[in-house]
Amino acid sequence: MSLDLLTYRAAHMSQAQALGLFGQVVGHEPVSAPGSGLTYAVWVARVGTVPAGSGLAAGTGRLELTGRVFMPADSEPQDDVDVQVTSAVDQLLAALFGDFTLGGAVRNVDVFGAHGAPLGAAFGFTRFDSTTYRVATLTIPLIVNDVWTEVA
């Protein structure tokens, strides 16, 4: 077996698209301004093992995705920017809690951090060209059974 990033990423991107919040949902970290309104991007942050979930024949993997919600900070009314970004994060977290196996693609989203950082989000700002974006950066830890075969 191996990590199937295409499947896991597509399942989560479908969750995000189904919310109907985002002008665009992309499977990479943007290198240029994502535009106006809400944008969601997702990419790989880390890959590792889960010793407690592994056996003598195969190793369990932990694939940590980064998801990021973007919205131009100068959107009007500016008082609503945090409200919209926070609401988007809330709905993304609810979707991940509600389908924490991504339709059976993974063992589980590690929502409480049993094997590392838990599901969550941190807020901040980033800048592209002359536009400042309010961002929320999600940590999305996926636990995947029997990723790597152990050979004796």
Protein backbone atom coordinates (compact mmCIF):
# COMPACT_ATOMS: atom_id res chain seq x y z
CA MET A 1 0.00 0.00 0.00
CA SER A 2 0.99 3.64 -0.01
CA LEU A 3 -0.39 7.07 0.77
CA ASP A 4 -3.09 8.02 -1.71
CA LEU A 5 -2.92 11.81 -1.50
CA LEU A 6 -5.12 12.28 -4.56
CA THR A 7 -8.00 10.41 -2.91
CA TYR A 8 -7.67 12.06 0.53
CA ARG A 9 -7.25 15.55 -0.86
CA ALA A 10 -10.12 15.15 -3.31
CA ALA A 11 -12.42 13.90 -0.53
CA HIS A 12 -11.65 16.91 1.64
CA MET A 13 -11.86 19.36 -1.26
CA SER A 14 -15.30 17.93 -2.06
CA GLN A 15 -16.32 18.57 1.56
CA ALA A 16 -15.19 22.18 1.23
CA GLN A 17 -16.89 22.69 -2.15
CA ALA A 18 -20.15 21.21 -0.86
CA LEU A 19 -20.34 23.98 1.75
CA GLY A 20 -20.96 26.50 -1.05
CA LEU A 21 -18.89 29.17 0.72
CA PHE A 22 -15.84 29.47 -1.47
CA GLY A 23 -15.35 31.16 -4.82
CA GLN A 24 -12.61 28.62 -5.44
CA VAL A 25 -11.19 25.53 -3.73
CA VAL A 26 -7.67 24.57 -4.82
CA GLY A 27 -5.35 21.67 -4.05
CA HIS A 28 -2.15 23.68 -3.65
CA GLU A 29 -0.70 26.57 -1.68
CA PRO A 30 -1.32 29.73 -3.71
CA VAL A 31 1.75 31.55 -4.99
CA SER A 32 -0.23 34.54 -6.20
CA ALA A 33 -3.26 36.47 -4.97
CA PRO A 34 -6.28 34.16 -4.81
CA GLY A 35 -8.77 36.93 -5.66
CA SER A 36 -11.79 38.37 -3.94
CA GLY A 37 -14.26 36.65 -1.62
CA LEU A 38 -13.47 33.45 0.25
CA THR A 39 -10.92 31.03 -1.18
CA TYR A 40 -9.89 27.68 0.31
CA ALA A 41 -6.62 25.91 -0.42
CA VAL A 42 -5.31 22.58 0.86
CA TRP A 43 -1.84 21.00 0.66
CA VAL A 44 0.45 18.53 2.46
CA ALA A 45 2.25 19.72 5.58
CA ARG A 46 3.75 16.56 7.11
CA VAL A 47 3.91 12.79 6.77
CA GLY A 48 4.83 10.41 9.58
CA THR A 49 4.11 7.13 11.29
CA VAL A 50 1.69 6.19 14.04
CA PRO A 51 3.47 3.59 16.18
CA ALA A 52 0.39 2.86 18.32
CA GLY A 53 -1.65 2.04 15.22
CA SER A 54 0.97 -0.07 13.50
CA GLY A 55 1.49 -3.83 13.67
CA LEU A 56 4.06 -6.40 12.67
CA ALA A 57 2.99 -6.46 9.02
CA ALA A 58 2.21 -2.83 8.20
CA GLY A 59 2.70 0.69 9.43
CA THR A 60 -0.07 3.21 9.99
CA GLY A 61 0.56 6.69 8.58
CA ARG A 62 -0.29 10.19 9.71
CA LEU A 63 -0.75 12.62 6.83
CA GLU A 64 -1.17 16.20 7.99
CA LEU A 65 -2.86 18.52 5.54
CA THR A 66 -2.82 22.29 5.78
CA GLY A 67 -6.01 24.03 4.78
CA ARG A 68 -6.13 27.80 4.47
CA VAL A 69 -9.11 30.12 4.17
CA PHE A 70 -8.28 33.43 2.44
CA MET A 71 -10.30 36.65 2.29
CA PRO A 72 -9.07 40.13 1.35
CA ALA A 73 -8.76 42.04 4.63
CA ASP A 74 -10.07 45.23 3.03
CA SER A 75 -13.40 43.64 2.01
CA GLU A 76 -16.37 45.77 2.99
CA PRO A 77 -17.70 45.92 5.53
CA GLN A 78 -14.37 45.20 7.21
CA ASP A 79 -16.10 44.24 10.46
CA ASP A 80 -17.53 41.21 8.63
CA VAL A 81 -14.20 39.80 7.43
CA ASP A 82 -13.45 37.95 10.67
CA VAL A 83 -17.06 36.82 10.88
CA GLN A 84 -16.94 35.28 7.41
CA VAL A 85 -13.52 33.65 7.87
CA THR A 86 -14.46 32.26 11.28
CA SER A 87 -17.79 30.98 9.96
CA ALA A 88 -15.99 29.22 7.10
CA VAL A 89 -13.59 27.57 9.57
CA ASP A 90 -16.51 26.52 11.77
CA GLN A 91 -18.25 24.90 8.81
CA LEU A 92 -15.06 23.17 7.62
CA LEU A 93 -14.48 21.74 11.11
CA ALA A 94 -18.12 20.62 11.32
CA ALA A 95 -17.74 18.85 7.93
CA LEU A 96 -14.59 17.08 9.11
CA PHE A 97 -16.23 16.04 12.39
CA GLY A 98 -19.33 14.90 10.51
CA ASP A 99 -17.40 12.70 8.08
CA PHE A 100 -14.20 11.98 9.95
CA THR A 101 -13.29 9.06 7.67
CA LEU A 102 -13.57 11.14 4.47
CA GLY A 103 -16.09 8.68 3.11
CA GLY A 104 -14.03 5.69 4.25
CA ALA A 105 -10.81 6.89 2.59
CA VAL A 106 -8.93 7.18 5.91
CA ARG A 107 -9.18 5.55 9.32
CA ASN A 108 -10.03 8.90 10.85
CA VAL A 109 -9.34 12.59 11.08
CA ASP A 110 -7.41 12.86 14.36
CA VAL A 111 -9.83 15.47 15.70
CA PHE A 112 -8.54 15.39 19.28
CA GLY A 113 -4.84 14.90 18.56
CA ALA A 114 -4.29 11.34 19.78
CA HIS A 115 -1.27 11.08 17.46
CA GLY A 116 0.02 14.65 17.21
CA ALA A 117 -1.47 18.09 16.70
CA PRO A 118 -5.29 18.00 16.75
CA LEU A 119 -7.71 19.35 14.19
CA GLY A 120 -7.79 23.12 14.61
CA ALA A 121 -7.13 26.52 13.10
CA ALA A 122 -4.90 29.53 13.73
CA PHE A 123 -5.73 32.99 12.39
CA GLY A 124 -3.45 35.63 10.93
CA PHE A 125 -2.68 37.66 7.83
CA THR A 126 -0.69 37.14 4.64
CA ARG A 127 0.13 39.44 1.78
CA PHE A 128 0.13 38.92 -1.99
CA ASP A 129 1.30 41.83 -4.12
CA SER A 130 -0.46 44.87 -2.65
CA THR A 131 -3.36 42.95 -1.05
CA THR A 132 -3.46 41.81 2.56
CA TYR A 133 -5.55 38.71 3.24
CA ARG A 134 -7.10 37.60 6.49
CA VAL A 135 -6.34 33.90 6.75
CA ALA A 136 -7.20 30.94 8.90
CA THR A 137 -4.74 28.06 8.68
CA LEU A 138 -6.20 24.65 9.50
CA THR A 139 -4.29 21.62 10.72
CA ILE A 140 -6.03 18.54 9.31
CA PRO A 141 -4.41 15.33 10.65
CA LEU A 142 -5.42 12.18 8.77
CA ILE A 143 -4.71 8.70 10.13
CA VAL A 144 -4.38 6.02 7.45
CA ASN A 145 -4.16 2.29 8.24
CA ASP A 146 -1.60 -0.05 6.70
CA VAL A 147 0.22 2.51 4.57
CA TRP A 148 3.63 0.86 4.47
CA THR A 149 4.32 -2.88 4.40
CA GLU A 150 6.95 -4.16 6.81
CA VAL A 151 9.22 -6.80 5.32
CA ALA A 152 11.14 -9.23 7.53
